[in-house]
Amino acid sequence: MSHTSLISRRSVLTATAVTLAAPALLAQQKFTMKMATPGVDDVGVAWMRAVKAGVESRSNGRIKVEIYPANQLGPLPRVVEGVALGTVEFALPAAGFVTGLEPRFMVMDSPGLFDDIAHAQRVLTDPAIRQRLSAYGSGKGIEPLSVFAYSPLTLLSHKPVRTLADLKGMKVRVPGAAALHIEPLKHFGGVPMSVPPSDMLPALQNKTLDGLVGSPFIWIPNKYYDIAKHQTYLPGSYLMATGIASRTWLKSLGPELEAIVREEAHKADALITTQGVADTQKALGVWEKNGGQNHFFSTAEAAQYFKEVGTVAERVSNADPVLKDEFTTLSAAAKRHR
């Protein structure tokens, strides 16, 4: 046998050995899954703990899950960027923080789309809807493993807001700068303002802002009740959490571990209609215990709000063919699951 033939044969044998060894090497490889959230001991953290328990157990320790609450990995915009780049494996931001990467997430903030948290969960875990959402961010390096209603949206304000007329002239920080965040408030005479999360507290303290739209799960841990006592629950309006994973990292796991991560994320969604609902009820009492007041629109005012913001949301969505398609699909699913 010639020297050249011997080298060629050795090369083939070496390549074959590497190919055969690849699955075994992947099975031994260990991975870390960093999970970041702005929340502290809330339903989002509980969801992550459930994922951690399931993933670590079923992967036999091949995936180590680390949970970083309270923005420990940095400001949300940077963390979301990290997920897209593959330097952070998972994050749980509000939908508004992801619309820059995937505009379709904007439709999640449509007021009146969901009746309550349980209704939202029925819609968002519908197999057809879940499949549709999994394609969000496909070209930007992110994939939503879970989307859920984190909490009702409330308007935190210095003065009580009990009617739609009370909104007129109020300078209010809204959760995003997109039309779906701005136009509903403008419709009722309010003045929507885009303010970074880091500036919300001082702006409310010095009364540059009259109010903030956000979650009681943010107001309570940060003791916003020491600054403003009134929060009004906005009908059919929710802060939507988007549990996004790095597509690059998911693929690096191999089919078996990738399936485990997806399945455990879906299993953890069951917490939303148990702990999520319970936490919302608890928040009402905690707010009042600390001197705050909870306000709700009357039945007639709520009906008017639903009708008018629904019209605004539809008009805004219709102006964008992509959003129109998503809004139509989600609205149809919401109708089916009522």
C-alpha atoms as a PDB file:
ATOM      1  CA  MET A   1       0.000   0.000   0.000  1.00  0.00           C
ATOM      2  CA  SER A   2       1.355   3.423  -0.936  1.00  0.00           C
ATOM      3  CA  HIS A   3       2.184   6.080   1.632  1.00  0.00           C
ATOM      4  CA  THR A   4      -0.551   8.332   0.162  1.00  0.00           C
ATOM      5  CA  SER A   5      -3.179   5.583   0.419  1.00  0.00           C
ATOM      6  CA  LEU A   6      -2.209   4.923   4.028  1.00  0.00           C
ATOM      7  CA  ILE A   7      -2.622   8.585   4.953  1.00  0.00           C
ATOM      8  CA  SER A   8      -5.973   8.706   3.177  1.00  0.00           C
ATOM      9  CA  ARG A   9      -7.186   5.608   5.002  1.00  0.00           C
ATOM     10  CA  ARG A  10      -6.081   7.011   8.353  1.00  0.00           C
ATOM     11  CA  SER A  11      -7.893  10.282   7.604  1.00  0.00           C
ATOM     12  CA  VAL A  12     -11.134   8.426   6.872  1.00  0.00           C
ATOM     13  CA  LEU A  13     -10.812   6.355  10.031  1.00  0.00           C
ATOM     14  CA  THR A  14     -10.114   9.460  12.119  1.00  0.00           C
ATOM     15  CA  ALA A  15     -13.098  11.340  10.647  1.00  0.00           C
ATOM     16  CA  THR A  16     -15.326   8.317  11.256  1.00  0.00           C
ATOM     17  CA  ALA A  17     -14.171   8.034  14.860  1.00  0.00           C
ATOM     18  CA  VAL A  18     -14.893  11.731  15.487  1.00  0.00           C
ATOM     19  CA  THR A  19     -18.355  11.429  13.928  1.00  0.00           C
ATOM     20  CA  LEU A  20     -19.189   8.366  16.019  1.00  0.00           C
ATOM     21  CA  ALA A  21     -17.868  10.031  19.165  1.00  0.00           C
ATOM     22  CA  ALA A  22     -19.818  13.291  18.675  1.00  0.00           C
ATOM     23  CA  PRO A  23     -23.115  12.102  20.241  1.00  0.00           C
ATOM     24  CA  ALA A  24     -21.252  10.663  23.222  1.00  0.00           C
ATOM     25  CA  LEU A  25     -19.311  13.899  23.713  1.00  0.00           C
ATOM     26  CA  LEU A  26     -22.521  15.956  23.488  1.00  0.00           C
ATOM     27  CA  ALA A  27     -24.166  13.663  26.043  1.00  0.00           C
ATOM     28  CA  GLN A  28     -21.313  14.384  28.482  1.00  0.00           C
ATOM     29  CA  GLN A  29     -21.163  18.119  27.849  1.00  0.00           C
ATOM     30  CA  LYS A  30     -22.591  20.394  30.529  1.00  0.00           C
ATOM     31  CA  PHE A  31     -24.438  23.638  29.916  1.00  0.00           C
ATOM     32  CA  THR A  32     -25.399  26.671  31.980  1.00  0.00           C
ATOM     33  CA  MET A  33     -28.752  28.411  31.611  1.00  0.00           C
ATOM     34  CA  LYS A  34     -28.703  31.911  33.086  1.00  0.00           C
ATOM     35  CA  MET A  35     -32.257  33.196  33.604  1.00  0.00           C
ATOM     36  CA  ALA A  36     -32.683  36.958  34.129  1.00  0.00           C
ATOM     37  CA  THR A  37     -35.737  38.834  35.353  1.00  0.00           C
ATOM     38  CA  PRO A  38     -36.494  42.255  36.836  1.00  0.00           C
ATOM     39  CA  GLY A  39     -38.909  40.625  39.307  1.00  0.00           C
ATOM     40  CA  VAL A  40     -38.307  39.738  42.945  1.00  0.00           C
ATOM     41  CA  ASP A  41     -40.120  36.782  44.517  1.00  0.00           C
ATOM     42  CA  ASP A  42     -43.027  37.103  42.088  1.00  0.00           C
ATOM     43  CA  VAL A  43     -44.802  34.771  39.674  1.00  0.00           C
ATOM     44  CA  GLY A  44     -41.986  35.218  37.148  1.00  0.00           C
ATOM     45  CA  VAL A  45     -39.395  34.005  39.659  1.00  0.00           C
ATOM     46  CA  ALA A  46     -41.710  31.126  40.660  1.00  0.00           C
ATOM     47  CA  TRP A  47     -42.006  30.198  36.976  1.00  0.00           C
ATOM     48  CA  MET A  48     -38.219  30.170  36.668  1.00  0.00           C
ATOM     49  CA  ARG A  49     -37.843  27.998  39.771  1.00  0.00           C
ATOM     50  CA  ALA A  50     -40.254  25.475  38.289  1.00  0.00           C
ATOM     51  CA  VAL A  51     -38.260  25.422  35.033  1.00  0.00           C
ATOM     52  CA  LYS A  52     -35.003  25.047  36.981  1.00  0.00           C
ATOM     53  CA  ALA A  53     -36.301  22.072  38.977  1.00  0.00           C
ATOM     54  CA  GLY A  54     -37.640  20.281  35.911  1.00  0.00           C
ATOM     55  CA  VAL A  55     -34.688  20.964  33.617  1.00  0.00           C
ATOM     56  CA  GLU A  56     -31.975  20.062  36.135  1.00  0.00           C
ATOM     57  CA  SER A  57     -33.759  16.867  37.151  1.00  0.00           C
ATOM     58  CA  ARG A  58     -34.566  15.620  33.659  1.00  0.00           C
ATOM     59  CA  SER A  59     -31.160  16.551  32.239  1.00  0.00           C
ATOM     60  CA  ASN A  60     -29.416  14.658  35.072  1.00  0.00           C
ATOM     61  CA  GLY A  61     -27.371  17.738  35.852  1.00  0.00           C
ATOM     62  CA  ARG A  62     -26.209  18.322  32.283  1.00  0.00           C
ATOM     63  CA  ILE A  63     -27.945  21.717  32.401  1.00  0.00           C
ATOM     64  CA  LYS A  64     -27.304  23.932  35.418  1.00  0.00           C
ATOM     65  CA  VAL A  65     -29.895  26.685  35.788  1.00  0.00           C
ATOM     66  CA  GLU A  66     -28.966  29.962  37.507  1.00  0.00           C
ATOM     67  CA  ILE A  67     -31.710  32.472  38.355  1.00  0.00           C
ATOM     68  CA  TYR A  68     -30.856  36.188  38.506  1.00  0.00           C
ATOM     69  CA  PRO A  69     -33.791  38.289  39.817  1.00  0.00           C
ATOM     70  CA  ALA A  70     -33.912  42.050  40.413  1.00  0.00           C
ATOM     71  CA  ASN A  71     -31.995  42.945  37.229  1.00  0.00           C
ATOM     72  CA  GLN A  72     -28.799  41.372  38.611  1.00  0.00           C
ATOM     73  CA  LEU A  73     -27.472  40.814  35.091  1.00  0.00           C
ATOM     74  CA  GLY A  74     -27.992  44.467  34.177  1.00  0.00           C
ATOM     75  CA  PRO A  75     -30.657  46.746  32.665  1.00  0.00           C
ATOM     76  CA  LEU A  76     -33.315  44.932  30.650  1.00  0.00           C
ATOM     77  CA  PRO A  77     -32.404  46.431  27.256  1.00  0.00           C
ATOM     78  CA  ARG A  78     -28.843  45.122  27.641  1.00  0.00           C
ATOM     79  CA  VAL A  79     -30.049  41.718  28.850  1.00  0.00           C
ATOM     80  CA  VAL A  80     -32.428  41.385  25.889  1.00  0.00           C
ATOM     81  CA  GLU A  81     -29.519  42.281  23.615  1.00  0.00           C
ATOM     82  CA  GLY A  82     -27.481  39.591  25.356  1.00  0.00           C
ATOM     83  CA  VAL A  83     -30.132  36.956  24.620  1.00  0.00           C
ATOM     84  CA  ALA A  84     -30.133  37.959  20.956  1.00  0.00           C
ATOM     85  CA  LEU A  85     -26.334  37.704  20.843  1.00  0.00           C
ATOM     86  CA  GLY A  86     -26.256  34.431  22.774  1.00  0.00           C
ATOM     87  CA  THR A  87     -24.360  35.735  25.832  1.00  0.00           C
ATOM     88  CA  VAL A  88     -27.459  35.362  28.048  1.00  0.00           C
ATOM     89  CA  GLU A  89     -29.483  32.184  27.706  1.00  0.00           C
ATOM     90  CA  PHE A  90     -32.886  33.408  28.887  1.00  0.00           C
ATOM     91  CA  ALA A  91     -34.681  36.570  30.022  1.00  0.00           C
ATOM     92  CA  LEU A  92     -38.199  37.472  31.116  1.00  0.00           C
ATOM     93  CA  PRO A  93     -38.840  41.077  30.008  1.00  0.00           C
ATOM     94  CA  ALA A  94     -42.153  42.794  29.356  1.00  0.00           C
ATOM     95  CA  ALA A  95     -43.281  42.725  25.729  1.00  0.00           C
ATOM     96  CA  GLY A  96     -42.375  46.388  25.261  1.00  0.00           C
ATOM     97  CA  PHE A  97     -38.673  45.614  25.738  1.00  0.00           C
ATOM     98  CA  VAL A  98     -38.671  43.132  22.847  1.00  0.00           C
ATOM     99  CA  THR A  99     -40.595  45.028  20.168  1.00  0.00           C
ATOM    100  CA  GLY A 100     -37.381  46.563  18.830  1.00  0.00           C
ATOM    101  CA  LEU A 101     -36.229  43.075  17.859  1.00  0.00           C
ATOM    102  CA  GLU A 102     -39.650  41.697  16.958  1.00  0.00           C
ATOM    103  CA  PRO A 103     -42.426  44.268  16.286  1.00  0.00           C
ATOM    104  CA  ARG A 104     -45.117  41.581  16.391  1.00  0.00           C
ATOM    105  CA  PHE A 105     -44.779  41.439  20.165  1.00  0.00           C
ATOM    106  CA  MET A 106     -46.453  44.854  20.205  1.00  0.00           C
ATOM    107  CA  VAL A 107     -49.873  43.312  19.634  1.00  0.00           C
ATOM    108  CA  MET A 108     -49.651  41.701  23.095  1.00  0.00           C
ATOM    109  CA  ASP A 109     -50.169  45.136  24.619  1.00  0.00           C
ATOM    110  CA  SER A 110     -53.517  45.675  22.868  1.00  0.00           C
ATOM    111  CA  PRO A 111     -56.010  46.761  25.568  1.00  0.00           C
ATOM    112  CA  GLY A 112     -59.155  44.661  25.701  1.00  0.00           C
ATOM    113  CA  LEU A 113     -57.619  41.617  24.033  1.00  0.00           C
ATOM    114  CA  PHE A 114     -57.882  39.495  27.202  1.00  0.00           C
ATOM    115  CA  ASP A 115     -60.649  39.444  29.808  1.00  0.00           C
ATOM    116  CA  ASP A 116     -58.465  38.293  32.709  1.00  0.00           C
ATOM    117  CA  ILE A 117     -55.258  36.382  33.421  1.00  0.00           C
ATOM    118  CA  ALA A 118     -56.914  32.973  33.088  1.00  0.00           C
ATOM    119  CA  HIS A 119     -58.434  33.941  29.739  1.00  0.00           C
ATOM    120  CA  ALA A 120     -55.057  35.197  28.492  1.00  0.00           C
ATOM    121  CA  GLN A 121     -53.473  31.918  29.498  1.00  0.00           C
ATOM    122  CA  ARG A 122     -56.064  29.857  27.620  1.00  0.00           C
ATOM    123  CA  VAL A 123     -55.362  31.903  24.498  1.00  0.00           C
ATOM    124  CA  LEU A 124     -51.572  31.931  24.744  1.00  0.00           C
ATOM    125  CA  THR A 125     -51.275  28.195  25.442  1.00  0.00           C
ATOM    126  CA  ASP A 126     -53.566  27.283  22.556  1.00  0.00           C
ATOM    127  CA  PRO A 127     -51.340  24.953  20.465  1.00  0.00           C
ATOM    128  CA  ALA A 128     -51.882  26.950  17.275  1.00  0.00           C
ATOM    129  CA  ILE A 129     -51.095  30.248  19.001  1.00  0.00           C
ATOM    130  CA  ARG A 130     -48.084  28.804  20.815  1.00  0.00           C
ATOM    131  CA  GLN A 131     -46.748  27.524  17.495  1.00  0.00           C
ATOM    132  CA  ARG A 132     -47.295  30.942  15.919  1.00  0.00           C
ATOM    133  CA  LEU A 133     -45.527  32.756  18.748  1.00  0.00           C
ATOM    134  CA  SER A 134     -42.542  30.391  18.566  1.00  0.00           C
ATOM    135  CA  ALA A 135     -41.657  31.955  15.206  1.00  0.00           C
ATOM    136  CA  TYR A 136     -41.396  35.456  16.714  1.00  0.00           C
ATOM    137  CA  GLY A 137     -37.825  36.717  16.626  1.00  0.00           C
ATOM    138  CA  SER A 138     -36.690  33.920  14.314  1.00  0.00           C
ATOM    139  CA  GLY A 139     -34.317  36.232  12.459  1.00  0.00           C
ATOM    140  CA  LYS A 140     -33.107  38.077  15.548  1.00  0.00           C
ATOM    141  CA  GLY A 141     -31.683  35.264  17.634  1.00  0.00           C
ATOM    142  CA  ILE A 142     -34.536  35.002  20.166  1.00  0.00           C
ATOM    143  CA  GLU A 143     -37.400  32.570  20.670  1.00  0.00           C
ATOM    144  CA  PRO A 144     -40.291  32.979  23.142  1.00  0.00           C
ATOM    145  CA  LEU A 145     -40.609  29.818  25.224  1.00  0.00           C
ATOM    146  CA  SER A 146     -43.480  31.368  27.158  1.00  0.00           C
ATOM    147  CA  VAL A 147     -45.706  34.432  26.888  1.00  0.00           C
ATOM    148  CA  PHE A 148     -48.120  35.212  29.715  1.00  0.00           C
ATOM    149  CA  ALA A 149     -50.071  37.941  31.478  1.00  0.00           C
ATOM    150  CA  TYR A 150     -47.715  38.875  34.305  1.00  0.00           C
ATOM    151  CA  SER A 151     -50.154  41.177  36.078  1.00  0.00           C
ATOM    152  CA  PRO A 152     -52.937  43.700  35.478  1.00  0.00           C
ATOM    153  CA  LEU A 153     -51.790  47.142  34.407  1.00  0.00           C
ATOM    154  CA  THR A 154     -52.503  49.917  36.868  1.00  0.00           C
ATOM    155  CA  LEU A 155     -52.182  53.668  36.689  1.00  0.00           C
ATOM    156  CA  LEU A 156     -50.228  54.852  39.721  1.00  0.00           C
ATOM    157  CA  SER A 157     -51.001  58.509  40.389  1.00  0.00           C
ATOM    158  CA  HIS A 158     -50.903  61.334  42.886  1.00  0.00           C
ATOM    159  CA  LYS A 159     -54.598  62.084  42.433  1.00  0.00           C
ATOM    160  CA  PRO A 160     -57.369  59.461  42.360  1.00  0.00           C
ATOM    161  CA  VAL A 161     -58.489  58.419  38.883  1.00  0.00           C
ATOM    162  CA  ARG A 162     -62.014  57.018  39.104  1.00  0.00           C
ATOM    163  CA  THR A 163     -63.428  58.012  35.713  1.00  0.00           C
ATOM    164  CA  LEU A 164     -62.159  58.329  32.171  1.00  0.00           C
ATOM    165  CA  ALA A 165     -62.589  62.107  32.415  1.00  0.00           C
ATOM    166  CA  ASP A 166     -59.985  62.147  35.209  1.00  0.00           C
ATOM    167  CA  LEU A 167     -57.332  61.158  32.649  1.00  0.00           C
ATOM    168  CA  LYS A 168     -57.613  64.420  30.786  1.00  0.00           C
ATOM    169  CA  GLY A 169     -54.417  66.482  30.903  1.00  0.00           C
ATOM    170  CA  MET A 170     -52.477  63.946  32.987  1.00  0.00           C
ATOM    171  CA  LYS A 171     -48.798  63.458  32.107  1.00  0.00           C
ATOM    172  CA  VAL A 172     -48.386  59.684  32.307  1.00  0.00           C
ATOM    173  CA  ARG A 173     -45.430  57.417  31.663  1.00  0.00           C
ATOM    174  CA  VAL A 174     -46.569  54.531  29.429  1.00  0.00           C
ATOM    175  CA  PRO A 175     -44.827  51.123  29.035  1.00  0.00           C
ATOM    176  CA  GLY A 176     -43.476  51.880  25.558  1.00  0.00           C
ATOM    177  CA  ALA A 177     -43.222  54.414  22.769  1.00  0.00           C
ATOM    178  CA  ALA A 178     -45.237  52.415  20.229  1.00  0.00           C
ATOM    179  CA  ALA A 179     -48.610  53.642  18.976  1.00  0.00           C
ATOM    180  CA  LEU A 180     -50.453  50.916  20.892  1.00  0.00           C
ATOM    181  CA  HIS A 181     -48.994  52.323  24.123  1.00  0.00           C
ATOM    182  CA  ILE A 182     -49.564  55.970  23.300  1.00  0.00           C
ATOM    183  CA  GLU A 183     -52.802  56.277  21.358  1.00  0.00           C
ATOM    184  CA  PRO A 184     -55.278  54.857  23.942  1.00  0.00           C
ATOM    185  CA  LEU A 185     -54.202  57.404  26.581  1.00  0.00           C
ATOM    186  CA  LYS A 186     -54.204  60.242  24.044  1.00  0.00           C
ATOM    187  CA  HIS A 187     -57.722  59.226  23.064  1.00  0.00           C
ATOM    188  CA  PHE A 188     -58.933  60.090  26.572  1.00  0.00           C
ATOM    189  CA  GLY A 189     -57.044  63.392  26.726  1.00  0.00           C
ATOM    190  CA  GLY A 190     -53.976  62.186  28.599  1.00  0.00           C
ATOM    191  CA  VAL A 191     -50.404  63.130  27.759  1.00  0.00           C
ATOM    192  CA  PRO A 192     -48.365  59.929  27.295  1.00  0.00           C
ATOM    193  CA  MET A 193     -44.638  60.190  27.943  1.00  0.00           C
ATOM    194  CA  SER A 194     -41.803  57.758  27.282  1.00  0.00           C
ATOM    195  CA  VAL A 195     -39.539  57.708  30.338  1.00  0.00           C
ATOM    196  CA  PRO A 196     -36.762  55.137  31.026  1.00  0.00           C
ATOM    197  CA  PRO A 197     -37.467  52.855  34.023  1.00  0.00           C
ATOM    198  CA  SER A 198     -34.513  54.379  35.888  1.00  0.00           C
ATOM    199  CA  ASP A 199     -36.138  57.825  35.717  1.00  0.00           C
ATOM    200  CA  MET A 200     -39.682  56.827  36.714  1.00  0.00           C
ATOM    201  CA  LEU A 201     -39.278  57.225  40.461  1.00  0.00           C
ATOM    202  CA  PRO A 202     -37.633  60.683  40.493  1.00  0.00           C
ATOM    203  CA  ALA A 203     -40.087  61.940  37.841  1.00  0.00           C
ATOM    204  CA  LEU A 204     -43.001  60.872  40.022  1.00  0.00           C
ATOM    205  CA  GLN A 205     -41.365  62.310  43.159  1.00  0.00           C
ATOM    206  CA  ASN A 206     -40.820  65.767  41.679  1.00  0.00           C
ATOM    207  CA  LYS A 207     -44.196  65.597  39.887  1.00  0.00           C
ATOM    208  CA  THR A 208     -42.744  65.940  36.428  1.00  0.00           C
ATOM    209  CA  LEU A 209     -45.132  63.038  35.881  1.00  0.00           C
ATOM    210  CA  ASP A 210     -48.671  62.806  37.219  1.00  0.00           C
ATOM    211  CA  GLY A 211     -48.680  59.048  36.986  1.00  0.00           C
ATOM    212  CA  LEU A 212     -47.120  55.820  35.750  1.00  0.00           C
ATOM    213  CA  VAL A 213     -48.684  52.893  33.927  1.00  0.00           C
ATOM    214  CA  GLY A 214     -47.187  49.614  35.064  1.00  0.00           C
ATOM    215  CA  SER A 215     -47.570  46.671  37.410  1.00  0.00           C
ATOM    216  CA  PRO A 216     -48.426  46.538  41.127  1.00  0.00           C
ATOM    217  CA  PHE A 217     -45.704  43.858  41.277  1.00  0.00           C
ATOM    218  CA  ILE A 218     -43.283  46.694  40.530  1.00  0.00           C
ATOM    219  CA  TRP A 219     -44.889  49.357  42.742  1.00  0.00           C
ATOM    220  CA  ILE A 220     -45.083  47.241  45.892  1.00  0.00           C
ATOM    221  CA  PRO A 221     -41.521  45.819  46.251  1.00  0.00           C
ATOM    222  CA  ASN A 222     -40.094  49.248  45.442  1.00  0.00           C
ATOM    223  CA  LYS A 223     -42.408  50.994  47.944  1.00  0.00           C
ATOM    224  CA  TYR A 224     -43.951  53.401  45.466  1.00  0.00           C
ATOM    225  CA  TYR A 225     -46.833  53.771  47.938  1.00  0.00           C
ATOM    226  CA  ASP A 226     -44.573  56.176  49.859  1.00  0.00           C
ATOM    227  CA  ILE A 227     -44.759  58.569  46.895  1.00  0.00           C
ATOM    228  CA  ALA A 228     -48.196  58.111  45.313  1.00  0.00           C
ATOM    229  CA  LYS A 229     -51.173  56.535  47.070  1.00  0.00           C
ATOM    230  CA  HIS A 230     -53.601  55.891  44.216  1.00  0.00           C
ATOM    231  CA  GLN A 231     -53.599  53.066  41.713  1.00  0.00           C
ATOM    232  CA  THR A 232     -56.389  52.539  39.211  1.00  0.00           C
ATOM    233  CA  TYR A 233     -56.793  49.151  37.583  1.00  0.00           C
ATOM    234  CA  LEU A 234     -57.125  49.563  33.818  1.00  0.00           C
ATOM    235  CA  PRO A 235     -59.796  47.220  32.400  1.00  0.00           C
ATOM    236  CA  GLY A 236     -58.542  44.471  30.103  1.00  0.00           C
ATOM    237  CA  SER A 237     -54.965  45.759  30.252  1.00  0.00           C
ATOM    238  CA  TYR A 238     -52.037  43.548  31.267  1.00  0.00           C
ATOM    239  CA  LEU A 239     -48.288  43.681  31.536  1.00  0.00           C
ATOM    240  CA  MET A 240     -47.284  40.841  29.222  1.00  0.00           C
ATOM    241  CA  ALA A 241     -44.174  38.834  30.083  1.00  0.00           C
ATOM    242  CA  THR A 242     -42.140  37.359  27.240  1.00  0.00           C
ATOM    243  CA  GLY A 243     -39.867  34.507  28.252  1.00  0.00           C
ATOM    244  CA  ILE A 244     -37.248  34.663  25.506  1.00  0.00           C
ATOM    245  CA  ALA A 245     -34.415  32.184  24.975  1.00  0.00           C
ATOM    246  CA  SER A 246     -31.304  32.401  22.831  1.00  0.00           C
ATOM    247  CA  ARG A 247     -31.889  30.396  19.653  1.00  0.00           C
ATOM    248  CA  THR A 248     -28.136  29.815  19.347  1.00  0.00           C
ATOM    249  CA  TRP A 249     -27.961  28.366  22.844  1.00  0.00           C
ATOM    250  CA  LEU A 250     -31.032  26.172  22.345  1.00  0.00           C
ATOM    251  CA  LYS A 251     -29.528  24.618  19.233  1.00  0.00           C
ATOM    252  CA  SER A 252     -26.205  24.034  21.005  1.00  0.00           C
ATOM    253  CA  LEU A 253     -27.953  21.699  23.459  1.00  0.00           C
ATOM    254  CA  GLY A 254     -28.762  19.013  20.948  1.00  0.00           C
ATOM    255  CA  PRO A 255     -32.288  17.642  20.285  1.00  0.00           C
ATOM    256  CA  GLU A 256     -32.777  15.824  23.606  1.00  0.00           C
ATOM    257  CA  LEU A 257     -31.876  18.676  25.957  1.00  0.00           C
ATOM    258  CA  GLU A 258     -33.524  21.280  23.735  1.00  0.00           C
ATOM    259  CA  ALA A 259     -36.798  19.334  23.977  1.00  0.00           C
ATOM    260  CA  ILE A 260     -36.473  19.144  27.771  1.00  0.00           C
ATOM    261  CA  VAL A 261     -36.065  22.931  28.081  1.00  0.00           C
ATOM    262  CA  ARG A 262     -39.108  23.594  25.899  1.00  0.00           C
ATOM    263  CA  GLU A 263     -41.274  21.019  27.677  1.00  0.00           C
ATOM    264  CA  GLU A 264     -40.405  22.262  31.163  1.00  0.00           C
ATOM    265  CA  ALA A 265     -41.087  25.862  30.143  1.00  0.00           C
ATOM    266  CA  HIS A 266     -44.536  24.830  28.937  1.00  0.00           C
ATOM    267  CA  LYS A 267     -45.214  22.838  32.125  1.00  0.00           C
ATOM    268  CA  ALA A 268     -44.308  25.842  34.269  1.00  0.00           C
ATOM    269  CA  ASP A 269     -47.018  27.897  32.529  1.00  0.00           C
ATOM    270  CA  ALA A 270     -49.582  26.190  34.781  1.00  0.00           C
ATOM    271  CA  LEU A 271     -48.385  28.483  37.602  1.00  0.00           C
ATOM    272  CA  ILE A 272     -49.818  31.536  35.860  1.00  0.00           C
ATOM    273  CA  THR A 273     -53.447  30.636  36.553  1.00  0.00           C
ATOM    274  CA  THR A 274     -52.695  29.641  40.152  1.00  0.00           C
ATOM    275  CA  GLN A 275     -49.923  31.714  41.728  1.00  0.00           C
ATOM    276  CA  GLY A 276     -50.291  34.522  39.184  1.00  0.00           C
ATOM    277  CA  VAL A 277     -53.950  35.040  40.016  1.00  0.00           C
ATOM    278  CA  ALA A 278     -53.307  34.636  43.759  1.00  0.00           C
ATOM    279  CA  ASP A 279     -50.475  37.192  43.671  1.00  0.00           C
ATOM    280  CA  THR A 280     -52.762  39.708  41.963  1.00  0.00           C
ATOM    281  CA  GLN A 281     -55.368  39.351  44.702  1.00  0.00           C
ATOM    282  CA  LYS A 282     -52.695  39.589  47.387  1.00  0.00           C
ATOM    283  CA  ALA A 283     -51.344  42.795  45.854  1.00  0.00           C
ATOM    284  CA  LEU A 284     -54.663  44.563  46.453  1.00  0.00           C
ATOM    285  CA  GLY A 285     -54.420  43.975  50.202  1.00  0.00           C
ATOM    286  CA  VAL A 286     -50.705  44.766  50.455  1.00  0.00           C
ATOM    287  CA  TRP A 287     -51.229  48.099  48.705  1.00  0.00           C
ATOM    288  CA  GLU A 288     -54.005  49.128  51.097  1.00  0.00           C
ATOM    289  CA  LYS A 289     -52.080  47.855  54.126  1.00  0.00           C
ATOM    290  CA  ASN A 290     -49.355  50.356  53.255  1.00  0.00           C
ATOM    291  CA  GLY A 291     -51.713  53.312  52.998  1.00  0.00           C
ATOM    292  CA  GLY A 292     -52.534  53.077  49.314  1.00  0.00           C
ATOM    293  CA  GLN A 293     -55.953  53.127  47.674  1.00  0.00           C
ATOM    294  CA  ASN A 294     -57.207  50.854  44.884  1.00  0.00           C
ATOM    295  CA  HIS A 295     -59.636  52.252  42.328  1.00  0.00           C
ATOM    296  CA  PHE A 296     -61.762  50.564  39.665  1.00  0.00           C
ATOM    297  CA  PHE A 297     -63.878  52.085  36.935  1.00  0.00           C
ATOM    298  CA  SER A 298     -67.624  51.606  37.240  1.00  0.00           C
ATOM    299  CA  THR A 299     -69.273  49.004  35.026  1.00  0.00           C
ATOM    300  CA  ALA A 300     -70.411  51.719  32.618  1.00  0.00           C
ATOM    301  CA  GLU A 301     -66.976  53.404  32.524  1.00  0.00           C
ATOM    302  CA  ALA A 302     -65.250  50.054  32.027  1.00  0.00           C
ATOM    303  CA  ALA A 303     -67.577  49.203  29.138  1.00  0.00           C
ATOM    304  CA  GLN A 304     -66.845  52.567  27.529  1.00  0.00           C
ATOM    305  CA  TYR A 305     -63.111  52.041  28.032  1.00  0.00           C
ATOM    306  CA  PHE A 306     -63.259  48.590  26.412  1.00  0.00           C
ATOM    307  CA  LYS A 307     -65.219  49.897  23.466  1.00  0.00           C
ATOM    308  CA  GLU A 308     -63.067  52.931  22.772  1.00  0.00           C
ATOM    309  CA  VAL A 309     -59.604  51.461  23.349  1.00  0.00           C
ATOM    310  CA  GLY A 310     -60.619  48.438  21.289  1.00  0.00           C
ATOM    311  CA  THR A 311     -61.416  50.759  18.403  1.00  0.00           C
ATOM    312  CA  VAL A 312     -58.098  52.579  18.854  1.00  0.00           C
ATOM    313  CA  ALA A 313     -56.128  49.306  18.997  1.00  0.00           C
ATOM    314  CA  GLU A 314     -57.824  48.021  15.859  1.00  0.00           C
ATOM    315  CA  ARG A 315     -57.145  51.275  14.017  1.00  0.00           C
ATOM    316  CA  VAL A 316     -53.459  51.248  14.998  1.00  0.00           C
ATOM    317  CA  SER A 317     -53.078  47.576  14.061  1.00  0.00           C
ATOM    318  CA  ASN A 318     -54.815  48.030  10.716  1.00  0.00           C
ATOM    319  CA  ALA A 319     -52.219  50.622   9.738  1.00  0.00           C
ATOM    320  CA  ASP A 320     -49.535  47.913   9.736  1.00  0.00           C
ATOM    321  CA  PRO A 321     -50.212  44.759   7.657  1.00  0.00           C
ATOM    322  CA  VAL A 322     -48.064  42.580   9.945  1.00  0.00           C
ATOM    323  CA  LEU A 323     -49.697  43.827  13.134  1.00  0.00           C
ATOM    324  CA  LYS A 324     -53.122  43.582  11.516  1.00  0.00           C
ATOM    325  CA  ASP A 325     -52.582  39.884  10.811  1.00  0.00           C
ATOM    326  CA  GLU A 326     -51.408  39.211  14.380  1.00  0.00           C
ATOM    327  CA  PHE A 327     -54.213  41.257  15.929  1.00  0.00           C
ATOM    328  CA  THR A 328     -56.833  39.466  13.832  1.00  0.00           C
ATOM    329  CA  THR A 329     -55.444  36.022  14.721  1.00  0.00           C
ATOM    330  CA  LEU A 330     -55.154  36.726  18.451  1.00  0.00           C
ATOM    331  CA  SER A 331     -58.591  38.382  18.566  1.00  0.00           C
ATOM    332  CA  ALA A 332     -60.134  35.307  16.930  1.00  0.00           C
ATOM    333  CA  ALA A 333     -58.380  33.031  19.424  1.00  0.00           C
ATOM    334  CA  ALA A 334     -59.534  35.243  22.315  1.00  0.00           C
ATOM    335  CA  LYS A 335     -63.101  34.928  21.072  1.00  0.00           C
ATOM    336  CA  ARG A 336     -62.823  31.119  20.864  1.00  0.00           C
ATOM    337  CA  HIS A 337     -61.551  30.838  24.423  1.00  0.00           C
ATOM    338  CA  ARG A 338     -64.084  33.127  26.112  1.00  0.00           C
END
